[in-house]
Amino acid sequence: MNELLRLRSEVGRARENSRELSQLKAAISNDSGINATLKSWSVRAAQLKLRLEQMPDKKIPELELLTDKEWFDAVKSGKPLETEADFRKALKELRNIAKVDFAELTRSALKKFAVANGGNLPADLSLLQPYFEMPVDSSVIQRYSILQSGKLGDALRGEPLFAEKAAPADMEYDSSYEFSMNGTTSWDVNDPKDIVSRGMMEFAKEHQGNLPKDASQLAPYLSRQIDEGTANKVLAMIPAGVVTLNQLKALDK
């Protein structure tokens, strides 16, 4: 029965995607400017699919969740795909869209799991497989981990509930994600500011919530090596008097 429900959901999603594309084509059939734009997106999407086949190391299994419209979304706002960097940036955007798609499916599955299991969260995301609205391969689920336990209703508000744990597909052009039930946090794996910020959070976890005072304290917690001068510049952006992670988070509210 669960398999039947998932297949029905998948068919419904495919029909909805087909309907959206049909409406778009009908709307632009008499507008040569928009028609030219759509053709340009189609060419870029085809180029991106071809290049992805040539760069299998840049694939992630979540890409199987993408609709045709989302392939367009990944290329429609960018410049023509000409250089290696152009393609890698577009593939980054494509992966980001796919990760967010998986997060939406997971949030829904978590609610269904909780209803069926006394309000509890799963000990492992693999337990959600029967609760996804559409088939999700285990290779996708294995790339993420659950971060909280206990009751879904008691989950810490604003704190990540599940997160990507797989290594980046591209160490120059990629993002990592954490998800709560009502929010998303992402960071660029190659951005010094993001790397230092994540390192600060990891440092605080092991030091009673306190923030590091200089780059030498921070170094063991960085996901990749950052020049000390650069790291200290980021640390210097912390306002005077702010010494804990909670104080820093409060400034963003």
C-alpha atoms as a PDB file:
ATOM      1  CA  MET A   1       0.000   0.000   0.000  1.00  0.00           C
ATOM      2  CA  ASN A   2       2.843   2.402   0.840  1.00  0.00           C
ATOM      3  CA  GLU A   3       4.449   1.668  -2.528  1.00  0.00           C
ATOM      4  CA  LEU A   4       1.136   2.289  -4.291  1.00  0.00           C
ATOM      5  CA  LEU A   5       0.681   5.625  -2.516  1.00  0.00           C
ATOM      6  CA  ARG A   6       4.223   6.684  -3.424  1.00  0.00           C
ATOM      7  CA  LEU A   7       3.697   5.773  -7.073  1.00  0.00           C
ATOM      8  CA  ARG A   8       0.413   7.675  -7.193  1.00  0.00           C
ATOM      9  CA  SER A   9       2.162  10.705  -5.700  1.00  0.00           C
ATOM     10  CA  GLU A  10       4.963  10.436  -8.262  1.00  0.00           C
ATOM     11  CA  VAL A  11       2.452  10.275 -11.125  1.00  0.00           C
ATOM     12  CA  GLY A  12       0.629  13.282  -9.709  1.00  0.00           C
ATOM     13  CA  ARG A  13       3.874  15.247  -9.463  1.00  0.00           C
ATOM     14  CA  ALA A  14       4.778  14.348 -13.055  1.00  0.00           C
ATOM     15  CA  ARG A  15       1.342  15.430 -14.278  1.00  0.00           C
ATOM     16  CA  GLU A  16       1.623  18.737 -12.432  1.00  0.00           C
ATOM     17  CA  ASN A  17       5.064  19.365 -13.924  1.00  0.00           C
ATOM     18  CA  SER A  18       3.744  18.538 -17.395  1.00  0.00           C
ATOM     19  CA  ARG A  19       0.769  20.841 -16.881  1.00  0.00           C
ATOM     20  CA  GLU A  20       3.028  23.749 -15.836  1.00  0.00           C
ATOM     21  CA  LEU A  21       5.226  23.290 -18.901  1.00  0.00           C
ATOM     22  CA  SER A  22       2.193  23.094 -21.192  1.00  0.00           C
ATOM     23  CA  GLN A  23       0.804  26.319 -19.745  1.00  0.00           C
ATOM     24  CA  LEU A  24       4.170  28.015 -20.172  1.00  0.00           C
ATOM     25  CA  LYS A  25       4.415  26.935 -23.813  1.00  0.00           C
ATOM     26  CA  ALA A  26       0.860  28.100 -24.504  1.00  0.00           C
ATOM     27  CA  ALA A  27       1.536  31.479 -22.898  1.00  0.00           C
ATOM     28  CA  ILE A  28       4.619  32.154 -25.004  1.00  0.00           C
ATOM     29  CA  SER A  29       3.519  30.714 -28.332  1.00  0.00           C
ATOM     30  CA  ASN A  30       2.690  34.173 -29.694  1.00  0.00           C
ATOM     31  CA  ASP A  31       5.589  36.061 -28.107  1.00  0.00           C
ATOM     32  CA  SER A  32       8.797  35.763 -30.097  1.00  0.00           C
ATOM     33  CA  GLY A  33      10.947  37.401 -27.390  1.00  0.00           C
ATOM     34  CA  ILE A  34       9.850  35.030 -24.647  1.00  0.00           C
ATOM     35  CA  ASN A  35      10.040  32.109 -27.061  1.00  0.00           C
ATOM     36  CA  ALA A  36      13.670  32.961 -27.806  1.00  0.00           C
ATOM     37  CA  THR A  37      14.391  33.105 -24.073  1.00  0.00           C
ATOM     38  CA  LEU A  38      12.829  29.703 -23.494  1.00  0.00           C
ATOM     39  CA  LYS A  39      14.862  28.237 -26.344  1.00  0.00           C
ATOM     40  CA  SER A  40      17.997  29.699 -24.773  1.00  0.00           C
ATOM     41  CA  TRP A  41      17.142  28.049 -21.445  1.00  0.00           C
ATOM     42  CA  SER A  42      16.500  24.752 -23.231  1.00  0.00           C
ATOM     43  CA  VAL A  43      19.889  24.903 -24.909  1.00  0.00           C
ATOM     44  CA  ARG A  44      21.638  25.664 -21.620  1.00  0.00           C
ATOM     45  CA  ALA A  45      19.794  22.873 -19.819  1.00  0.00           C
ATOM     46  CA  ALA A  46      20.792  20.420 -22.564  1.00  0.00           C
ATOM     47  CA  GLN A  47      24.400  21.636 -22.387  1.00  0.00           C
ATOM     48  CA  LEU A  48      24.387  21.197 -18.627  1.00  0.00           C
ATOM     49  CA  LYS A  49      22.998  17.665 -18.816  1.00  0.00           C
ATOM     50  CA  LEU A  50      25.657  16.720 -21.368  1.00  0.00           C
ATOM     51  CA  ARG A  51      28.470  18.213 -19.296  1.00  0.00           C
ATOM     52  CA  LEU A  52      27.182  16.488 -16.169  1.00  0.00           C
ATOM     53  CA  GLU A  53      27.536  13.147 -17.942  1.00  0.00           C
ATOM     54  CA  GLN A  54      31.144  14.098 -18.647  1.00  0.00           C
ATOM     55  CA  MET A  55      31.723  15.053 -14.981  1.00  0.00           C
ATOM     56  CA  PRO A  56      30.210  12.164 -12.983  1.00  0.00           C
ATOM     57  CA  ASP A  57      32.126  13.209  -9.864  1.00  0.00           C
ATOM     58  CA  LYS A  58      29.917  16.334  -9.732  1.00  0.00           C
ATOM     59  CA  LYS A  59      26.719  14.259  -9.555  1.00  0.00           C
ATOM     60  CA  ILE A  60      24.726  13.627  -6.403  1.00  0.00           C
ATOM     61  CA  PRO A  61      21.823  11.137  -6.245  1.00  0.00           C
ATOM     62  CA  GLU A  62      19.386  13.911  -5.256  1.00  0.00           C
ATOM     63  CA  LEU A  63      19.517  15.100  -8.875  1.00  0.00           C
ATOM     64  CA  GLU A  64      17.077  12.307  -9.707  1.00  0.00           C
ATOM     65  CA  LEU A  65      14.419  14.301  -7.819  1.00  0.00           C
ATOM     66  CA  LEU A  66      14.605  17.276 -10.188  1.00  0.00           C
ATOM     67  CA  THR A  67      11.808  18.236 -12.566  1.00  0.00           C
ATOM     68  CA  ASP A  68      12.333  19.680 -16.042  1.00  0.00           C
ATOM     69  CA  LYS A  69      11.317  23.082 -14.698  1.00  0.00           C
ATOM     70  CA  GLU A  70      14.055  22.920 -12.066  1.00  0.00           C
ATOM     71  CA  TRP A  71      16.681  22.256 -14.729  1.00  0.00           C
ATOM     72  CA  PHE A  72      15.518  25.520 -16.293  1.00  0.00           C
ATOM     73  CA  ASP A  73      15.706  27.229 -12.883  1.00  0.00           C
ATOM     74  CA  ALA A  74      19.375  26.284 -12.606  1.00  0.00           C
ATOM     75  CA  VAL A  75      20.340  28.010 -15.857  1.00  0.00           C
ATOM     76  CA  LYS A  76      17.796  30.736 -16.555  1.00  0.00           C
ATOM     77  CA  SER A  77      19.409  33.438 -14.422  1.00  0.00           C
ATOM     78  CA  GLY A  78      23.016  32.830 -15.449  1.00  0.00           C
ATOM     79  CA  LYS A  79      25.133  33.823 -18.395  1.00  0.00           C
ATOM     80  CA  PRO A  80      25.782  31.445 -21.315  1.00  0.00           C
ATOM     81  CA  LEU A  81      27.645  28.293 -20.328  1.00  0.00           C
ATOM     82  CA  GLU A  82      31.065  28.713 -21.914  1.00  0.00           C
ATOM     83  CA  THR A  83      33.890  28.145 -19.430  1.00  0.00           C
ATOM     84  CA  GLU A  84      34.553  25.297 -17.030  1.00  0.00           C
ATOM     85  CA  ALA A  85      33.691  27.631 -14.154  1.00  0.00           C
ATOM     86  CA  ASP A  86      30.346  28.498 -15.791  1.00  0.00           C
ATOM     87  CA  PHE A  87      29.353  24.837 -15.877  1.00  0.00           C
ATOM     88  CA  ARG A  88      30.529  24.142 -12.332  1.00  0.00           C
ATOM     89  CA  LYS A  89      28.607  27.126 -10.975  1.00  0.00           C
ATOM     90  CA  ALA A  90      25.460  25.986 -12.774  1.00  0.00           C
ATOM     91  CA  LEU A  91      25.902  22.451 -11.423  1.00  0.00           C
ATOM     92  CA  LYS A  92      26.254  23.914  -7.942  1.00  0.00           C
ATOM     93  CA  GLU A  93      22.896  25.647  -8.368  1.00  0.00           C
ATOM     94  CA  LEU A  94      21.392  22.407  -9.652  1.00  0.00           C
ATOM     95  CA  ARG A  95      22.648  20.457  -6.625  1.00  0.00           C
ATOM     96  CA  ASN A  96      21.335  23.145  -4.282  1.00  0.00           C
ATOM     97  CA  ILE A  97      17.852  22.898  -5.778  1.00  0.00           C
ATOM     98  CA  ALA A  98      17.925  19.104  -5.482  1.00  0.00           C
ATOM     99  CA  LYS A  99      18.992  19.229  -1.821  1.00  0.00           C
ATOM    100  CA  VAL A 100      16.144  21.583  -0.974  1.00  0.00           C
ATOM    101  CA  ASP A 101      13.731  19.255  -2.808  1.00  0.00           C
ATOM    102  CA  PHE A 102      14.899  16.375  -0.644  1.00  0.00           C
ATOM    103  CA  ALA A 103      14.502  18.505   2.485  1.00  0.00           C
ATOM    104  CA  GLU A 104      10.862  19.216   1.649  1.00  0.00           C
ATOM    105  CA  LEU A 105      10.184  15.517   1.183  1.00  0.00           C
ATOM    106  CA  THR A 106      11.972  14.765   4.459  1.00  0.00           C
ATOM    107  CA  ARG A 107      10.004  17.323   6.468  1.00  0.00           C
ATOM    108  CA  SER A 108       6.754  15.773   5.282  1.00  0.00           C
ATOM    109  CA  ALA A 109       8.042  12.266   5.997  1.00  0.00           C
ATOM    110  CA  LEU A 110       9.127  13.275   9.518  1.00  0.00           C
ATOM    111  CA  LYS A 111       5.605  14.455  10.304  1.00  0.00           C
ATOM    112  CA  LYS A 112       4.096  11.209   9.039  1.00  0.00           C
ATOM    113  CA  PHE A 113       6.649   9.122  10.943  1.00  0.00           C
ATOM    114  CA  ALA A 114       5.902  11.007  14.152  1.00  0.00           C
ATOM    115  CA  VAL A 115       2.159  10.451  13.771  1.00  0.00           C
ATOM    116  CA  ALA A 116       2.734   6.718  13.289  1.00  0.00           C
ATOM    117  CA  ASN A 117       5.297   6.411  16.115  1.00  0.00           C
ATOM    118  CA  GLY A 118       3.924   8.212  19.140  1.00  0.00           C
ATOM    119  CA  GLY A 119       5.301  11.591  18.162  1.00  0.00           C
ATOM    120  CA  ASN A 120       8.884  10.369  18.149  1.00  0.00           C
ATOM    121  CA  LEU A 121      11.657  11.259  15.750  1.00  0.00           C
ATOM    122  CA  PRO A 122      13.431   8.434  13.895  1.00  0.00           C
ATOM    123  CA  ALA A 123      16.783   7.284  15.223  1.00  0.00           C
ATOM    124  CA  ASP A 124      18.002   7.209  11.626  1.00  0.00           C
ATOM    125  CA  LEU A 125      16.638   8.858   8.490  1.00  0.00           C
ATOM    126  CA  SER A 126      16.564   5.481   6.727  1.00  0.00           C
ATOM    127  CA  LEU A 127      13.466   4.716   8.818  1.00  0.00           C
ATOM    128  CA  LEU A 128      11.605   7.386   6.860  1.00  0.00           C
ATOM    129  CA  GLN A 129      11.718   5.480   3.587  1.00  0.00           C
ATOM    130  CA  PRO A 130       8.098   4.182   3.784  1.00  0.00           C
ATOM    131  CA  TYR A 131       6.865   7.699   4.568  1.00  0.00           C
ATOM    132  CA  PHE A 132       8.224   9.661   1.617  1.00  0.00           C
ATOM    133  CA  GLU A 133       5.595  10.993  -0.792  1.00  0.00           C
ATOM    134  CA  MET A 134       7.602   9.649  -3.730  1.00  0.00           C
ATOM    135  CA  PRO A 135      10.306   6.991  -4.037  1.00  0.00           C
ATOM    136  CA  VAL A 136      13.633   8.173  -2.607  1.00  0.00           C
ATOM    137  CA  ASP A 137      16.658   5.982  -3.176  1.00  0.00           C
ATOM    138  CA  SER A 138      18.635   4.901  -0.132  1.00  0.00           C
ATOM    139  CA  SER A 139      21.754   6.476  -1.667  1.00  0.00           C
ATOM    140  CA  VAL A 140      20.099   9.872  -1.135  1.00  0.00           C
ATOM    141  CA  ILE A 141      19.031   9.218   2.445  1.00  0.00           C
ATOM    142  CA  GLN A 142      22.514   8.007   3.395  1.00  0.00           C
ATOM    143  CA  ARG A 143      23.910  11.447   2.594  1.00  0.00           C
ATOM    144  CA  TYR A 144      22.031  12.997   5.536  1.00  0.00           C
ATOM    145  CA  SER A 145      21.836  12.513   9.285  1.00  0.00           C
ATOM    146  CA  ILE A 146      19.259  13.255  11.967  1.00  0.00           C
ATOM    147  CA  LEU A 147      20.593  15.716  14.559  1.00  0.00           C
ATOM    148  CA  GLN A 148      17.962  15.625  17.302  1.00  0.00           C
ATOM    149  CA  SER A 149      16.137  12.872  19.175  1.00  0.00           C
ATOM    150  CA  GLY A 150      12.991  12.492  21.243  1.00  0.00           C
ATOM    151  CA  LYS A 151       9.632  13.960  20.264  1.00  0.00           C
ATOM    152  CA  LEU A 152       9.177  15.948  17.072  1.00  0.00           C
ATOM    153  CA  GLY A 153       7.064  18.425  19.034  1.00  0.00           C
ATOM    154  CA  ASP A 154       9.954  18.968  21.455  1.00  0.00           C
ATOM    155  CA  ALA A 155      12.554  19.594  18.750  1.00  0.00           C
ATOM    156  CA  LEU A 156      14.570  22.705  19.514  1.00  0.00           C
ATOM    157  CA  ARG A 157      12.999  25.515  17.521  1.00  0.00           C
ATOM    158  CA  GLY A 158      15.372  27.096  15.041  1.00  0.00           C
ATOM    159  CA  GLU A 159      18.001  24.408  15.582  1.00  0.00           C
ATOM    160  CA  PRO A 160      18.863  22.062  12.690  1.00  0.00           C
ATOM    161  CA  LEU A 161      16.944  18.804  12.739  1.00  0.00           C
ATOM    162  CA  PHE A 162      18.723  17.020   9.908  1.00  0.00           C
ATOM    163  CA  ALA A 163      21.779  17.870   7.859  1.00  0.00           C
ATOM    164  CA  GLU A 164      23.883  16.914   4.905  1.00  0.00           C
ATOM    165  CA  LYS A 165      26.867  14.826   6.007  1.00  0.00           C
ATOM    166  CA  ALA A 166      28.319  13.820   2.642  1.00  0.00           C
ATOM    167  CA  ALA A 167      31.513  15.419   1.396  1.00  0.00           C
ATOM    168  CA  PRO A 168      31.124  18.238  -1.153  1.00  0.00           C
ATOM    169  CA  ALA A 169      30.882  17.128  -4.768  1.00  0.00           C
ATOM    170  CA  ASP A 170      33.021  20.110  -5.784  1.00  0.00           C
ATOM    171  CA  MET A 171      35.470  21.681  -3.338  1.00  0.00           C
ATOM    172  CA  GLU A 172      35.363  25.023  -5.157  1.00  0.00           C
ATOM    173  CA  TYR A 173      31.717  25.279  -6.150  1.00  0.00           C
ATOM    174  CA  ASP A 174      29.378  23.650  -3.656  1.00  0.00           C
ATOM    175  CA  SER A 175      27.244  24.369  -0.614  1.00  0.00           C
ATOM    176  CA  SER A 176      26.436  22.341   2.497  1.00  0.00           C
ATOM    177  CA  TYR A 177      23.011  22.344   4.122  1.00  0.00           C
ATOM    178  CA  GLU A 178      21.246  22.007   7.456  1.00  0.00           C
ATOM    179  CA  PHE A 179      17.477  21.948   7.819  1.00  0.00           C
ATOM    180  CA  SER A 180      15.021  22.595  10.629  1.00  0.00           C
ATOM    181  CA  MET A 181      11.288  21.940  10.250  1.00  0.00           C
ATOM    182  CA  ASN A 182      10.723  25.525   9.147  1.00  0.00           C
ATOM    183  CA  GLY A 183      14.075  26.805   7.958  1.00  0.00           C
ATOM    184  CA  THR A 184      17.191  26.161   5.908  1.00  0.00           C
ATOM    185  CA  THR A 185      20.819  27.073   6.552  1.00  0.00           C
ATOM    186  CA  SER A 186      23.506  26.755   3.921  1.00  0.00           C
ATOM    187  CA  TRP A 187      27.119  27.782   3.576  1.00  0.00           C
ATOM    188  CA  ASP A 188      29.636  27.905   0.760  1.00  0.00           C
ATOM    189  CA  VAL A 189      32.362  25.287   1.194  1.00  0.00           C
ATOM    190  CA  ASN A 190      34.956  27.571  -0.397  1.00  0.00           C
ATOM    191  CA  ASP A 191      34.040  30.903   1.211  1.00  0.00           C
ATOM    192  CA  PRO A 192      36.556  31.870   3.951  1.00  0.00           C
ATOM    193  CA  LYS A 193      33.893  33.710   5.945  1.00  0.00           C
ATOM    194  CA  ASP A 194      31.557  30.706   5.874  1.00  0.00           C
ATOM    195  CA  ILE A 195      34.380  28.308   6.740  1.00  0.00           C
ATOM    196  CA  VAL A 196      35.406  30.416   9.740  1.00  0.00           C
ATOM    197  CA  SER A 197      31.792  30.840  10.868  1.00  0.00           C
ATOM    198  CA  ARG A 198      31.211  27.081  10.817  1.00  0.00           C
ATOM    199  CA  GLY A 199      34.496  26.542  12.643  1.00  0.00           C
ATOM    200  CA  MET A 200      33.384  28.993  15.334  1.00  0.00           C
ATOM    201  CA  MET A 201      30.214  26.984  15.858  1.00  0.00           C
ATOM    202  CA  GLU A 202      32.145  23.732  16.190  1.00  0.00           C
ATOM    203  CA  PHE A 203      34.576  25.387  18.625  1.00  0.00           C
ATOM    204  CA  ALA A 204      31.689  26.681  20.745  1.00  0.00           C
ATOM    205  CA  LYS A 205      30.163  23.186  20.997  1.00  0.00           C
ATOM    206  CA  GLU A 206      33.287  21.963  22.793  1.00  0.00           C
ATOM    207  CA  HIS A 207      33.916  25.086  24.890  1.00  0.00           C
ATOM    208  CA  GLN A 208      30.699  25.718  26.814  1.00  0.00           C
ATOM    209  CA  GLY A 209      29.345  27.940  24.079  1.00  0.00           C
ATOM    210  CA  ASN A 210      32.301  30.331  24.100  1.00  0.00           C
ATOM    211  CA  LEU A 211      33.746  31.744  20.889  1.00  0.00           C
ATOM    212  CA  PRO A 212      37.446  31.488  19.972  1.00  0.00           C
ATOM    213  CA  LYS A 213      39.589  34.548  20.577  1.00  0.00           C
ATOM    214  CA  ASP A 214      42.055  34.056  17.740  1.00  0.00           C
ATOM    215  CA  ALA A 215      42.779  31.945  14.693  1.00  0.00           C
ATOM    216  CA  SER A 216      45.155  29.611  16.504  1.00  0.00           C
ATOM    217  CA  GLN A 217      42.265  28.332  18.651  1.00  0.00           C
ATOM    218  CA  LEU A 218      40.046  27.993  15.615  1.00  0.00           C
ATOM    219  CA  ALA A 219      42.388  26.078  13.293  1.00  0.00           C
ATOM    220  CA  PRO A 220      41.472  22.503  14.411  1.00  0.00           C
ATOM    221  CA  TYR A 221      37.774  23.193  13.751  1.00  0.00           C
ATOM    222  CA  LEU A 222      38.006  24.444  10.174  1.00  0.00           C
ATOM    223  CA  SER A 223      36.758  22.237   7.346  1.00  0.00           C
ATOM    224  CA  ARG A 224      39.711  23.349   5.232  1.00  0.00           C
ATOM    225  CA  GLN A 225      42.866  25.346   5.842  1.00  0.00           C
ATOM    226  CA  ILE A 226      42.445  29.121   5.981  1.00  0.00           C
ATOM    227  CA  ASP A 227      45.224  31.699   6.214  1.00  0.00           C
ATOM    228  CA  GLU A 228      45.485  32.919   9.825  1.00  0.00           C
ATOM    229  CA  GLY A 229      45.327  36.535   8.731  1.00  0.00           C
ATOM    230  CA  THR A 230      42.070  35.909   6.893  1.00  0.00           C
ATOM    231  CA  ALA A 231      40.617  33.978   9.820  1.00  0.00           C
ATOM    232  CA  ASN A 232      41.538  36.758  12.256  1.00  0.00           C
ATOM    233  CA  LYS A 233      39.857  39.325   9.993  1.00  0.00           C
ATOM    234  CA  VAL A 234      36.615  37.357  10.196  1.00  0.00           C
ATOM    235  CA  LEU A 235      36.938  36.990  13.969  1.00  0.00           C
ATOM    236  CA  ALA A 236      37.532  40.737  14.248  1.00  0.00           C
ATOM    237  CA  MET A 237      34.033  41.281  12.826  1.00  0.00           C
ATOM    238  CA  ILE A 238      32.511  39.938  16.056  1.00  0.00           C
ATOM    239  CA  PRO A 239      31.188  42.961  17.999  1.00  0.00           C
ATOM    240  CA  ALA A 240      32.996  43.936  21.191  1.00  0.00           C
ATOM    241  CA  GLY A 241      31.562  42.254  24.262  1.00  0.00           C
ATOM    242  CA  VAL A 242      30.162  39.278  22.352  1.00  0.00           C
ATOM    243  CA  VAL A 243      31.937  36.218  23.725  1.00  0.00           C
ATOM    244  CA  THR A 244      29.433  33.376  23.288  1.00  0.00           C
ATOM    245  CA  LEU A 245      27.711  31.796  20.326  1.00  0.00           C
ATOM    246  CA  ASN A 246      24.268  32.522  21.790  1.00  0.00           C
ATOM    247  CA  GLN A 247      25.108  36.212  22.065  1.00  0.00           C
ATOM    248  CA  LEU A 248      26.208  36.196  18.434  1.00  0.00           C
ATOM    249  CA  LYS A 249      23.038  34.448  17.298  1.00  0.00           C
ATOM    250  CA  ALA A 250      20.921  36.937  19.226  1.00  0.00           C
ATOM    251  CA  LEU A 251      22.338  39.753  17.105  1.00  0.00           C
ATOM    252  CA  ASP A 252      20.878  38.143  13.982  1.00  0.00           C
ATOM    253  CA  LYS A 253      17.336  37.986  15.340  1.00  0.00           C
END
